[in-house]
Amino acid sequence: MGFMDFFKKTSAPASGSVAKDRLKLVLVHDRVNCSAQVLEMLKTDIIKVISNYMEIDLDELDIQITQTQSEENNGTVPVLYANIPIKSMRKIQD
C-alpha cells in the first residue's frame, strides 16, 4: 500500500451489484419453490435438532439457499448452505 492509498476512500459495493445479488437469491428460491416462510421453518427445524447436541451461536447463524455448479457440469443446482458456529458440545446421556 502506497502512502496516497491510505487516503483513498474504500467504497462499499455498488447498489447495482447488491441488487443483482438479491435478484439471484430470489430466482434461486423461486426455482426450488422455496418461499421465505418455508426457509424460515427449515431454519427453525435445523436449529432445534442441532441444539439437542450442541450449543450454537444464534447471532452468527447463516442458513440460505444458493446455487453451485453441479458435479456433472450440466449447469447449476440449488444448495442449502448452513454456517452454524458451535459454542460447545452438549453432554449426551446414555
Protein backbone atom coordinates (compact mmCIF):
# COMPACT_ATOMS: atom_id res chain seq x y z
CA MET A 1 0.00 0.00 0.00
CA GLY A 2 1.41 3.35 -1.01
CA PHE A 3 1.25 6.49 1.09
CA MET A 4 -1.54 8.02 -1.03
CA ASP A 5 -3.56 4.80 -0.96
CA PHE A 6 -4.08 5.41 2.74
CA PHE A 7 -6.19 8.49 1.96
CA LYS A 8 -8.36 6.91 -0.70
CA LYS A 9 -11.94 6.12 0.18
CA THR A 10 -12.81 2.47 0.43
CA SER A 11 -16.02 2.04 -1.44
CA ALA A 12 -18.98 -0.07 -0.48
CA PRO A 13 -20.37 -2.46 -3.08
CA ALA A 14 -22.27 -0.63 -5.80
CA SER A 15 -26.02 -0.70 -5.33
CA GLY A 16 -26.33 -2.34 -8.75
CA SER A 17 -24.26 -5.34 -7.67
CA VAL A 18 -26.22 -5.62 -4.41
CA ALA A 19 -29.49 -5.58 -6.35
CA LYS A 20 -28.12 -8.19 -8.76
CA ASP A 21 -27.17 -10.49 -5.87
CA ARG A 22 -30.62 -10.07 -4.31
CA LEU A 23 -32.28 -10.89 -7.63
CA LYS A 24 -30.17 -14.04 -7.97
CA LEU A 25 -31.25 -15.10 -4.47
CA VAL A 26 -34.92 -14.51 -5.31
CA LEU A 27 -34.57 -16.51 -8.54
CA VAL A 28 -32.92 -19.42 -6.72
CA HIS A 29 -35.69 -19.50 -4.13
CA ASP A 30 -38.27 -19.37 -6.91
CA ARG A 31 -36.66 -22.19 -8.90
CA VAL A 32 -36.62 -24.55 -5.93
CA ASN A 33 -40.12 -23.43 -4.93
CA CYS A 34 -38.92 -22.34 -1.50
CA SER A 35 -40.74 -19.36 -0.05
CA ALA A 36 -39.35 -17.23 2.74
CA GLN A 37 -41.77 -18.94 5.13
CA VAL A 38 -40.55 -22.42 4.15
CA LEU A 39 -36.93 -21.35 4.54
CA GLU A 40 -37.71 -19.92 7.99
CA MET A 41 -39.46 -23.17 9.04
CA LEU A 42 -36.49 -25.17 7.76
CA LYS A 43 -34.11 -22.92 9.67
CA THR A 44 -36.15 -23.36 12.88
CA ASP A 45 -36.18 -27.16 12.50
CA ILE A 46 -32.42 -27.29 11.85
CA ILE A 47 -31.76 -25.16 14.94
CA LYS A 48 -33.98 -27.42 17.09
CA VAL A 49 -32.22 -30.60 16.00
CA ILE A 50 -28.67 -29.27 16.24
CA SER A 51 -29.40 -27.67 19.63
CA ASN A 52 -30.05 -31.16 21.04
CA TYR A 53 -26.36 -31.96 20.52
CA MET A 54 -24.50 -28.67 20.77
CA GLU A 55 -24.81 -25.07 21.86
CA ILE A 56 -24.78 -22.81 18.81
CA ASP A 57 -24.29 -19.08 18.28
CA LEU A 58 -27.69 -17.89 17.04
CA ASP A 59 -26.39 -14.38 16.35
CA GLU A 60 -23.87 -15.62 13.78
CA LEU A 61 -26.09 -18.34 12.28
CA ASP A 62 -26.48 -18.17 8.50
CA ILE A 63 -28.76 -20.55 6.59
CA GLN A 64 -29.67 -19.86 2.97
CA ILE A 65 -30.33 -21.46 -0.38
CA THR A 66 -27.75 -20.68 -3.04
CA GLN A 67 -26.59 -22.21 -6.32
CA THR A 68 -23.46 -24.14 -7.15
CA GLN A 69 -22.04 -25.86 -10.20
CA SER A 70 -23.31 -29.44 -10.49
CA GLU A 71 -20.80 -32.27 -10.27
CA GLU A 72 -21.87 -33.47 -13.72
CA ASN A 73 -21.05 -30.00 -15.15
CA ASN A 74 -24.51 -29.62 -16.63
CA GLY A 75 -25.35 -26.28 -15.07
CA THR A 76 -26.07 -25.05 -11.59
CA VAL A 77 -28.10 -26.70 -8.87
CA PRO A 78 -29.66 -25.29 -5.70
CA VAL A 79 -27.77 -25.93 -2.46
CA LEU A 80 -28.75 -25.46 1.16
CA TYR A 81 -25.89 -23.56 2.78
CA ALA A 82 -25.62 -23.55 6.57
CA ASN A 83 -22.92 -21.76 8.53
CA ILE A 84 -23.65 -22.61 12.17
CA PRO A 85 -20.98 -21.55 14.70
CA ILE A 86 -20.69 -24.07 17.54
CA LYS A 87 -20.06 -22.74 21.03
CA SER A 88 -19.78 -26.12 22.74
CA MET A 89 -20.89 -29.73 22.56
CA ARG A 90 -23.62 -30.91 24.91
CA LYS A 91 -23.06 -33.96 27.07
CA ILE A 92 -25.24 -36.78 25.78
CA GLN A 93 -26.56 -39.08 28.46
CA ASP A 94 -26.60 -42.77 27.62
